[in-house]
Amino acid sequence: MTEVVSEPVAVRVGTSGMPIRVLWRGHDYEVVGRPVRWVDRTPWWTWTAEKLPKVVEQPMWTVRLAAPDCDVVQADLSVTGGDWWQIERVRN
């Protein structure tokens, strides 16, 4: 099941820029496996002159997160600028 959350998170990255830890909802998650980098594109056909998107292409990472007291979940993280990250979707 996919849950859309769109919440800010604290992300620690390694020297390569890949996420290695995520602090979300009071849990410190370790990124397990290899994160996958991709780009989410805003559907241009939904634009109107009154409502142009702030971002056309959004850098994203799909990661698997594990915490000692939780099951492993898959999550999509967006890089919203600088050190700001957001968790967009979570799948069990």
N, C-alpha and C. Protein backbone atom coordinates (compact mmCIF):
# COMPACT_ATOMS: atom_id res chain seq x y z
N MET A 1 0.84 -1.17 0.00
CA MET A 1 0.00 0.00 0.00
C MET A 1 0.89 1.25 0.00
N THR A 2 0.53 2.22 -0.81
CA THR A 2 1.29 3.47 -0.90
C THR A 2 0.58 4.55 -0.10
N GLU A 3 1.34 5.26 0.72
CA GLU A 3 0.83 6.38 1.49
C GLU A 3 1.53 7.64 1.01
N VAL A 4 0.76 8.66 0.62
CA VAL A 4 1.32 9.95 0.23
C VAL A 4 1.43 10.77 1.51
N VAL A 5 2.66 11.21 1.83
CA VAL A 5 2.86 11.91 3.10
C VAL A 5 3.32 13.36 2.94
N SER A 6 4.20 13.64 2.01
CA SER A 6 4.71 15.01 1.76
C SER A 6 5.08 15.73 3.05
N GLU A 7 6.06 15.16 3.77
CA GLU A 7 6.52 15.75 5.04
C GLU A 7 8.02 16.04 4.96
N PRO A 8 8.47 17.12 5.61
CA PRO A 8 9.91 17.39 5.66
C PRO A 8 10.62 16.33 6.50
N VAL A 9 11.84 15.98 6.08
CA VAL A 9 12.65 15.01 6.81
C VAL A 9 14.09 15.51 6.86
N ALA A 10 14.83 15.01 7.84
CA ALA A 10 16.27 15.27 7.91
C ALA A 10 16.97 14.09 7.24
N VAL A 11 17.84 14.39 6.29
CA VAL A 11 18.54 13.34 5.54
C VAL A 11 20.04 13.56 5.67
N ARG A 12 20.73 12.48 5.99
CA ARG A 12 22.20 12.51 6.02
C ARG A 12 22.68 11.82 4.76
N VAL A 13 23.60 12.46 4.05
CA VAL A 13 24.11 11.89 2.81
C VAL A 13 25.57 11.50 2.97
N GLY A 14 25.99 10.53 2.16
CA GLY A 14 27.38 10.10 2.14
C GLY A 14 28.20 11.01 1.25
N THR A 15 29.46 10.69 1.08
CA THR A 15 30.36 11.52 0.27
C THR A 15 29.92 11.57 -1.20
N SER A 16 29.19 10.56 -1.65
CA SER A 16 28.72 10.53 -3.04
C SER A 16 27.43 11.33 -3.23
N GLY A 17 26.84 11.83 -2.13
CA GLY A 17 25.60 12.57 -2.22
C GLY A 17 24.35 11.71 -2.09
N MET A 18 24.54 10.38 -1.94
CA MET A 18 23.39 9.48 -1.77
C MET A 18 22.91 9.50 -0.32
N PRO A 19 21.61 9.41 -0.11
CA PRO A 19 21.08 9.35 1.26
C PRO A 19 21.57 8.10 1.97
N ILE A 20 21.98 8.25 3.26
CA ILE A 20 22.40 7.09 4.04
C ILE A 20 21.58 6.94 5.33
N ARG A 21 20.99 8.03 5.81
CA ARG A 21 20.14 7.99 7.01
C ARG A 21 19.01 9.00 6.84
N VAL A 22 17.86 8.66 7.42
CA VAL A 22 16.69 9.55 7.35
C VAL A 22 16.06 9.61 8.74
N LEU A 23 15.84 10.82 9.24
CA LEU A 23 15.14 11.02 10.51
C LEU A 23 13.72 11.46 10.16
N TRP A 24 12.74 10.60 10.51
CA TRP A 24 11.35 10.87 10.14
C TRP A 24 10.42 10.36 11.23
N ARG A 25 9.54 11.22 11.68
CA ARG A 25 8.53 10.89 12.70
C ARG A 25 9.16 10.26 13.95
N GLY A 26 10.29 10.79 14.37
CA GLY A 26 10.94 10.34 15.59
C GLY A 26 11.76 9.07 15.45
N HIS A 27 11.86 8.50 14.25
CA HIS A 27 12.66 7.30 14.02
C HIS A 27 13.89 7.65 13.20
N ASP A 28 15.01 7.03 13.56
CA ASP A 28 16.25 7.20 12.81
C ASP A 28 16.39 5.98 11.91
N TYR A 29 16.12 6.16 10.61
CA TYR A 29 16.15 5.06 9.65
C TYR A 29 17.50 4.99 8.95
N GLU A 30 17.98 3.78 8.77
CA GLU A 30 19.16 3.55 7.95
C GLU A 30 18.70 3.20 6.54
N VAL A 31 19.36 3.76 5.55
CA VAL A 31 19.06 3.41 4.16
C VAL A 31 19.77 2.08 3.88
N VAL A 32 18.99 1.07 3.51
CA VAL A 32 19.54 -0.25 3.21
C VAL A 32 19.44 -0.49 1.70
N GLY A 33 20.41 -1.19 1.16
CA GLY A 33 20.44 -1.39 -0.29
C GLY A 33 20.95 -0.12 -0.97
N ARG A 34 20.88 -0.12 -2.27
CA ARG A 34 21.37 1.02 -3.05
C ARG A 34 20.22 1.94 -3.42
N PRO A 35 20.28 3.23 -3.02
CA PRO A 35 19.25 4.18 -3.40
C PRO A 35 19.23 4.37 -4.93
N VAL A 36 18.05 4.65 -5.45
CA VAL A 36 17.89 4.87 -6.89
C VAL A 36 17.51 6.33 -7.11
N ARG A 37 18.31 7.02 -7.93
CA ARG A 37 18.06 8.43 -8.24
C ARG A 37 17.24 8.52 -9.52
N TRP A 38 16.24 9.40 -9.52
CA TRP A 38 15.41 9.61 -10.70
C TRP A 38 14.85 11.02 -10.69
N VAL A 39 14.16 11.39 -11.74
CA VAL A 39 13.61 12.75 -11.85
C VAL A 39 12.10 12.64 -12.06
N ASP A 40 11.35 13.36 -11.23
CA ASP A 40 9.89 13.42 -11.36
C ASP A 40 9.57 14.68 -12.16
N ARG A 41 8.85 14.51 -13.24
CA ARG A 41 8.51 15.65 -14.10
C ARG A 41 7.05 16.04 -13.90
N THR A 42 6.82 17.33 -13.74
CA THR A 42 5.46 17.85 -13.62
C THR A 42 4.74 17.66 -14.95
N PRO A 43 3.51 17.13 -14.94
CA PRO A 43 2.79 16.96 -16.20
C PRO A 43 2.45 18.31 -16.82
N TRP A 44 3.10 18.64 -17.91
CA TRP A 44 2.94 19.96 -18.53
C TRP A 44 1.52 20.19 -19.01
N TRP A 45 0.79 19.16 -19.33
CA TRP A 45 -0.56 19.34 -19.86
C TRP A 45 -1.56 19.81 -18.80
N THR A 46 -1.13 19.82 -17.51
CA THR A 46 -2.01 20.31 -16.46
C THR A 46 -1.78 21.79 -16.14
N TRP A 47 -0.80 22.40 -16.77
CA TRP A 47 -0.47 23.80 -16.49
C TRP A 47 -1.54 24.72 -17.06
N THR A 48 -1.72 25.82 -16.38
CA THR A 48 -2.54 26.92 -16.90
C THR A 48 -1.73 28.19 -16.77
N ALA A 49 -2.12 29.23 -17.46
CA ALA A 49 -1.39 30.50 -17.38
C ALA A 49 -1.43 31.05 -15.95
N GLU A 50 -2.50 30.77 -15.23
CA GLU A 50 -2.64 31.27 -13.86
C GLU A 50 -1.85 30.43 -12.85
N LYS A 51 -1.61 29.17 -13.19
CA LYS A 51 -0.95 28.28 -12.23
C LYS A 51 0.19 27.53 -12.89
N LEU A 52 1.34 28.19 -12.98
CA LEU A 52 2.54 27.55 -13.50
C LEU A 52 3.26 26.83 -12.36
N PRO A 53 3.88 25.70 -12.63
CA PRO A 53 4.56 24.96 -11.55
C PRO A 53 5.80 25.69 -11.08
N LYS A 54 6.13 25.51 -9.79
CA LYS A 54 7.36 26.08 -9.25
C LYS A 54 8.57 25.32 -9.76
N VAL A 55 8.41 24.01 -9.91
CA VAL A 55 9.49 23.14 -10.35
C VAL A 55 8.96 22.23 -11.46
N VAL A 56 9.68 22.16 -12.56
CA VAL A 56 9.27 21.29 -13.66
C VAL A 56 9.87 19.90 -13.48
N GLU A 57 11.14 19.84 -13.10
CA GLU A 57 11.81 18.56 -12.86
C GLU A 57 12.32 18.53 -11.42
N GLN A 58 11.86 17.53 -10.67
CA GLN A 58 12.19 17.40 -9.25
C GLN A 58 13.13 16.21 -9.04
N PRO A 59 14.38 16.45 -8.57
CA PRO A 59 15.26 15.31 -8.26
C PRO A 59 14.65 14.47 -7.14
N MET A 60 14.67 13.15 -7.31
CA MET A 60 14.07 12.22 -6.36
C MET A 60 15.03 11.06 -6.08
N TRP A 61 14.83 10.42 -4.95
CA TRP A 61 15.53 9.19 -4.59
C TRP A 61 14.50 8.19 -4.08
N THR A 62 14.58 6.96 -4.56
CA THR A 62 13.80 5.88 -3.97
C THR A 62 14.75 5.09 -3.09
N VAL A 63 14.36 4.94 -1.81
CA VAL A 63 15.23 4.30 -0.82
C VAL A 63 14.43 3.26 -0.04
N ARG A 64 15.15 2.30 0.52
CA ARG A 64 14.56 1.36 1.48
C ARG A 64 15.08 1.77 2.85
N LEU A 65 14.15 1.96 3.79
CA LEU A 65 14.48 2.45 5.12
C LEU A 65 14.24 1.37 6.17
N ALA A 66 15.19 1.24 7.09
CA ALA A 66 15.07 0.25 8.17
C ALA A 66 15.44 0.92 9.48
N ALA A 67 14.64 0.64 10.51
CA ALA A 67 14.93 1.08 11.88
C ALA A 67 14.84 -0.16 12.77
N PRO A 68 15.58 -0.19 13.88
CA PRO A 68 15.59 -1.39 14.74
C PRO A 68 14.19 -1.84 15.19
N ASP A 69 13.29 -0.90 15.42
CA ASP A 69 11.97 -1.25 15.96
C ASP A 69 10.85 -1.17 14.91
N CYS A 70 11.21 -1.14 13.62
CA CYS A 70 10.22 -0.98 12.56
C CYS A 70 10.50 -1.93 11.41
N ASP A 71 9.46 -2.18 10.60
CA ASP A 71 9.65 -2.95 9.37
C ASP A 71 10.37 -2.10 8.34
N VAL A 72 10.95 -2.75 7.34
CA VAL A 72 11.58 -2.04 6.23
C VAL A 72 10.48 -1.49 5.34
N VAL A 73 10.62 -0.21 4.97
CA VAL A 73 9.66 0.43 4.06
C VAL A 73 10.43 1.03 2.89
N GLN A 74 9.73 1.21 1.79
CA GLN A 74 10.32 1.89 0.63
C GLN A 74 9.73 3.29 0.59
N ALA A 75 10.58 4.28 0.33
CA ALA A 75 10.13 5.66 0.34
C ALA A 75 10.72 6.43 -0.82
N ASP A 76 9.98 7.43 -1.27
CA ASP A 76 10.46 8.36 -2.29
C ASP A 76 10.79 9.67 -1.60
N LEU A 77 12.03 10.12 -1.74
CA LEU A 77 12.50 11.37 -1.16
C LEU A 77 12.70 12.39 -2.26
N SER A 78 12.28 13.62 -2.01
CA SER A 78 12.56 14.70 -2.97
C SER A 78 13.58 15.64 -2.36
N VAL A 79 14.44 16.15 -3.22
CA VAL A 79 15.43 17.13 -2.81
C VAL A 79 14.83 18.48 -3.16
N THR A 80 14.41 19.22 -2.15
CA THR A 80 13.68 20.47 -2.42
C THR A 80 14.58 21.68 -2.49
N GLY A 81 15.86 21.50 -2.28
CA GLY A 81 16.80 22.61 -2.39
C GLY A 81 17.75 22.66 -1.22
N GLY A 82 19.03 22.70 -1.52
CA GLY A 82 20.04 22.75 -0.47
C GLY A 82 19.96 21.53 0.42
N ASP A 83 19.84 21.76 1.72
CA ASP A 83 19.74 20.66 2.68
C ASP A 83 18.29 20.27 2.97
N TRP A 84 17.34 20.81 2.25
CA TRP A 84 15.93 20.54 2.49
C TRP A 84 15.49 19.32 1.70
N TRP A 85 14.91 18.36 2.39
CA TRP A 85 14.40 17.13 1.81
C TRP A 85 12.96 16.94 2.26
N GLN A 86 12.25 16.15 1.47
CA GLN A 86 10.87 15.84 1.84
C GLN A 86 10.61 14.37 1.49
N ILE A 87 9.88 13.69 2.36
CA ILE A 87 9.46 12.33 2.04
C ILE A 87 8.09 12.45 1.39
N GLU A 88 7.98 11.94 0.18
CA GLU A 88 6.75 12.12 -0.60
C GLU A 88 5.79 10.95 -0.48
N ARG A 89 6.29 9.74 -0.67
CA ARG A 89 5.46 8.55 -0.63
C ARG A 89 6.18 7.44 0.13
N VAL A 90 5.39 6.59 0.80
CA VAL A 90 5.94 5.46 1.53
C VAL A 90 5.13 4.22 1.13
N ARG A 91 5.85 3.12 0.86
CA ARG A 91 5.20 1.86 0.52
C ARG A 91 5.67 0.77 1.47
N ASN A 92 4.72 -0.05 1.92
CA ASN A 92 5.07 -1.18 2.80
C ASN A 92 5.59 -2.34 1.98
